[in-house]
Protein backbone atom coordinates (compact mmCIF):
# COMPACT_ATOMS: atom_id res chain seq x y z
CA MET A 1 4.20 -24.00 -7.84
CA THR A 2 0.58 -22.71 -8.49
CA THR A 3 0.98 -20.73 -11.38
CA ARG A 4 1.63 -21.26 -15.39
CA PRO A 5 5.40 -22.40 -15.44
CA GLY A 6 4.97 -22.51 -19.20
CA LYS A 7 3.60 -19.15 -19.82
CA ARG A 8 6.65 -17.49 -18.01
CA ILE A 9 9.29 -19.59 -20.00
CA THR A 10 7.44 -18.43 -23.05
CA ALA A 11 6.99 -14.54 -21.43
CA MET A 12 10.58 -14.78 -21.40
CA ALA A 13 11.56 -16.69 -24.82
CA LEU A 14 9.55 -14.16 -26.17
CA ALA A 15 11.37 -10.96 -24.66
CA LEU A 16 14.93 -12.50 -25.63
CA ALA A 17 13.80 -13.11 -29.24
CA SER A 18 12.81 -10.15 -29.39
CA GLY A 19 15.57 -8.10 -28.04
CA ILE A 20 16.01 -6.83 -24.53
CA ALA A 21 15.92 -3.26 -24.61
CA ALA A 22 17.10 -0.61 -22.01
CA GLY A 23 14.75 -1.09 -18.48
CA ASP A 24 12.67 -4.12 -20.17
CA VAL A 25 11.49 -7.06 -17.63
CA VAL A 26 13.04 -10.20 -17.82
CA PRO A 27 11.01 -12.71 -16.00
CA GLU A 28 12.86 -15.87 -15.11
CA PHE A 29 11.57 -19.14 -14.31
CA ASN A 30 14.17 -21.64 -12.19
CA PRO A 31 12.57 -25.24 -13.09
CA ALA A 32 15.00 -26.54 -10.36
CA SER A 33 13.55 -24.91 -7.68
CA GLY A 34 9.86 -23.61 -9.30
CA LEU A 35 10.39 -19.94 -8.65
CA THR A 36 10.53 -16.91 -10.47
CA SER A 37 12.49 -13.98 -10.48
CA TRP A 38 12.31 -10.71 -12.37
CA HIS A 39 15.00 -8.44 -13.52
CA VAL A 40 15.19 -5.02 -14.73
CA GLN A 41 18.45 -3.73 -16.35
CA GLY A 42 19.72 -1.44 -18.45
CA GLN A 43 17.61 1.69 -16.90
CA GLY A 44 21.10 2.75 -14.68
CA PHE A 45 18.72 1.11 -11.61
CA ASP A 46 19.54 -2.66 -11.87
CA ILE A 47 16.87 -4.36 -9.55
CA LYS A 48 16.35 -8.45 -9.13
CA LEU A 49 13.57 -9.84 -7.16
CA VAL A 50 12.84 -12.95 -6.51
CA GLN A 51 10.18 -15.28 -5.00
CA LEU A 52 10.79 -16.88 -1.66
CA LEU A 53 9.05 -19.35 -0.22
CA PRO A 54 7.23 -19.00 3.39
CA ASP A 55 9.53 -21.95 4.46
CA PHE A 56 12.36 -20.94 3.06
CA VAL A 57 11.77 -17.54 5.10
CA ARG A 58 11.15 -19.36 8.47
CA ALA A 59 14.49 -21.36 7.55
CA VAL A 60 16.51 -18.43 7.46
CA LEU A 61 14.95 -16.56 10.41
CA ALA A 62 15.11 -19.84 12.64
CA SER A 63 18.82 -20.51 11.84
CA ARG A 64 19.25 -16.89 13.50
CA GLY A 65 17.05 -18.05 16.57
CA LEU A 66 14.42 -15.91 16.41
CA SER A 67 11.26 -16.51 18.25
CA SER A 68 8.98 -18.67 16.54
CA ASP A 69 6.17 -15.39 17.17
CA VAL A 70 8.85 -13.24 14.85
CA ILE A 71 9.34 -16.23 12.44
CA ASP A 72 5.23 -16.40 12.29
CA ALA A 73 4.97 -12.56 11.24
CA VAL A 74 7.30 -12.40 8.62
CA SER A 75 6.83 -15.46 6.85
CA SER A 76 3.42 -14.38 6.74
CA TYR A 77 4.54 -11.70 4.51
CA CYS A 78 5.00 -12.08 0.47
CA ALA A 79 8.80 -11.98 0.63
CA PHE A 80 11.21 -11.36 -2.30
CA GLY A 81 15.07 -11.36 -1.82
CA THR A 82 15.60 -8.15 -3.69
CA ILE A 83 18.93 -6.88 -5.18
CA VAL A 84 19.24 -3.53 -6.64
CA ARG A 85 22.45 -2.02 -8.26
CA ASN A 86 23.62 1.57 -9.55
CA ARG A 87 25.05 0.95 -13.08
CA THR A 88 25.12 4.72 -13.67
CA ALA A 89 27.99 6.86 -13.74
CA ALA A 90 26.21 9.33 -11.29
CA ALA A 91 24.65 9.09 -7.90
CA LEU A 92 21.31 8.07 -7.08
CA SER A 93 19.15 6.87 -4.48
CA TYR A 94 15.60 5.22 -3.54
CA ASP A 95 13.19 5.12 -0.84
CA VAL A 96 11.28 1.60 -0.51
CA ALA A 97 8.50 3.22 1.67
CA ASP A 98 7.18 4.88 -2.08
CA TRP A 99 7.17 1.53 -3.99
CA ARG A 100 3.46 0.21 -4.23
CA TYR A 101 2.45 -3.54 -4.50
CA VAL A 102 -1.02 -3.15 -6.96
CA THR A 103 -3.12 -6.09 -7.17
CA HIS A 104 -5.14 -6.65 -9.97
CA ASP A 105 -8.29 -4.72 -8.18
CA GLY A 106 -6.86 -1.70 -8.64
CA VAL A 107 -5.22 -1.60 -4.66
CA ALA A 108 -2.40 -0.19 -3.65
CA HIS A 109 -0.47 -1.98 -1.02
CA ARG A 110 2.80 -0.34 0.92
CA GLY A 111 5.60 -3.09 1.71
CA LYS A 112 6.64 -3.26 5.10
CA THR A 113 9.95 -1.42 5.94
CA LYS A 114 13.02 -2.20 7.25
CA ALA A 115 12.30 0.52 10.20
CA GLU A 116 8.99 -0.88 10.48
CA TRP A 117 10.60 -4.45 11.09
CA VAL A 118 13.44 -3.23 13.51
CA ARG A 119 10.73 -1.40 16.00
CA GLU A 120 8.46 -4.30 16.37
CA TRP A 121 11.50 -6.25 16.85
CA ARG A 122 12.98 -3.95 19.46
CA ALA A 123 10.07 -3.68 21.26
CA ARG A 124 10.30 -7.35 21.71
CA GLY A 125 13.97 -7.13 22.93
CA ILE A 126 15.23 -8.27 19.35
CA ALA A 127 18.64 -6.91 18.07
CA PHE A 128 18.16 -8.30 14.72
CA ARG A 129 18.31 -6.20 11.79
CA TRP A 130 20.34 -7.51 8.58
CA ILE A 131 17.52 -9.34 6.49
CA VAL A 132 15.43 -6.72 5.03
CA LEU A 133 16.69 -4.44 2.05
CA PRO A 134 17.33 -0.97 3.76
CA GLU A 135 14.50 1.43 2.54
CA ALA A 136 16.37 4.33 1.91
CA GLN A 137 19.96 4.54 0.30
CA THR A 138 22.14 6.60 -1.53
CA PHE A 139 23.99 4.76 -3.97
CA GLU A 140 27.24 6.17 -5.46
CA VAL A 141 28.81 4.49 -8.86
CA GLY A 142 28.81 0.86 -8.62
CA ASP A 143 27.39 0.46 -5.20
CA TRP A 144 24.67 -2.25 -4.72
CA GLY A 145 23.05 -3.87 -2.13
CA GLN A 146 20.70 -6.85 -0.85
CA GLY A 147 17.75 -8.00 1.37
CA PHE A 148 14.28 -8.92 1.99
CA THR A 149 11.59 -6.83 0.90
CA THR A 150 8.28 -7.93 2.34
CA VAL A 151 4.18 -7.06 1.46
CA LYS A 152 1.53 -8.27 3.25
CA LEU A 153 -0.37 -10.30 0.97
CA PRO A 154 -1.87 -14.03 0.72
CA PRO A 155 0.66 -16.81 -1.37
CA GLY A 156 0.20 -17.41 -4.90
CA THR A 157 -1.01 -13.08 -5.22
CA HIS A 158 -0.42 -11.22 -8.77
CA PHE A 159 0.43 -7.72 -8.52
CA ASP A 160 2.44 -5.07 -10.17
CA LEU A 161 5.19 -3.43 -8.61
CA HIS A 162 5.29 0.21 -8.90
CA TYR A 163 8.50 1.44 -7.76
CA SER A 164 10.94 4.45 -8.12
CA TRP A 165 14.21 6.18 -7.29
CA THR A 166 15.73 9.36 -7.94
CA GLN A 167 19.26 10.76 -9.57
CA GLY A 168 20.05 14.21 -10.21
CA GLY A 169 16.77 15.67 -8.62
CA GLU A 170 14.67 13.67 -11.07
CA THR A 171 12.26 10.68 -10.01
CA HIS A 172 12.13 7.76 -12.47
CA ARG A 173 9.20 5.57 -11.86
CA THR A 174 9.03 2.16 -13.51
CA VAL A 175 6.24 -0.45 -12.94
CA ILE A 176 7.18 -4.62 -13.25
CA LYS A 177 3.88 -5.80 -14.10
CA ASP A 178 2.12 -9.41 -13.26
CA MET A 179 4.47 -10.22 -10.62
CA GLN A 180 2.81 -13.04 -7.86
CA CYS A 181 3.88 -13.90 -4.32
CA ALA A 182 5.15 -17.40 -4.00
CA SER A 183 2.72 -20.26 -3.16
CA GLU A 184 2.95 -22.02 0.05
CA GLU A 185 5.11 -24.61 -1.42
CA ILE A 186 6.32 -26.08 -4.65
CA GLU A 187 3.85 -28.65 -6.28
CA ASN A 188 5.70 -30.69 -8.64
């Protein structure tokens, strides 16, 4: 990977040494895969985002028999495997359409939602929808979901993720700083 794995491990070690508070971001570098994930827990709405290599995205879509133009379209996006979970004592809602990926030049980018992908695929005659994180859901206590989140950014791009969820009529906003799209491939 073109980023500095040692820096990620150091950041994770510092976070662990200082004790993780509710809502802190825990970056995890996997030396075996060369990929990083970001996990925010303790705020009730747990979220984990795992870098996905474009080749992994291509392989997943190809295994479903999708055409090369669909595979190329999706794998051209910065993609994360995303897991969200409600660990509170009440229902909560989120809407991926409200999330923004803010690059270091200050520009906010929208992710491409599941509804947008499904409309595009349907227009091509493809009945496929399972892989992308549903953009708007209400989770009861203990509910969770997973899927890809995608944003049109080049491989290796750094950004801050601004995301939100609503619970009890109150909107909560959080930022995960200095996330990074996976590089085109892992460098050993």
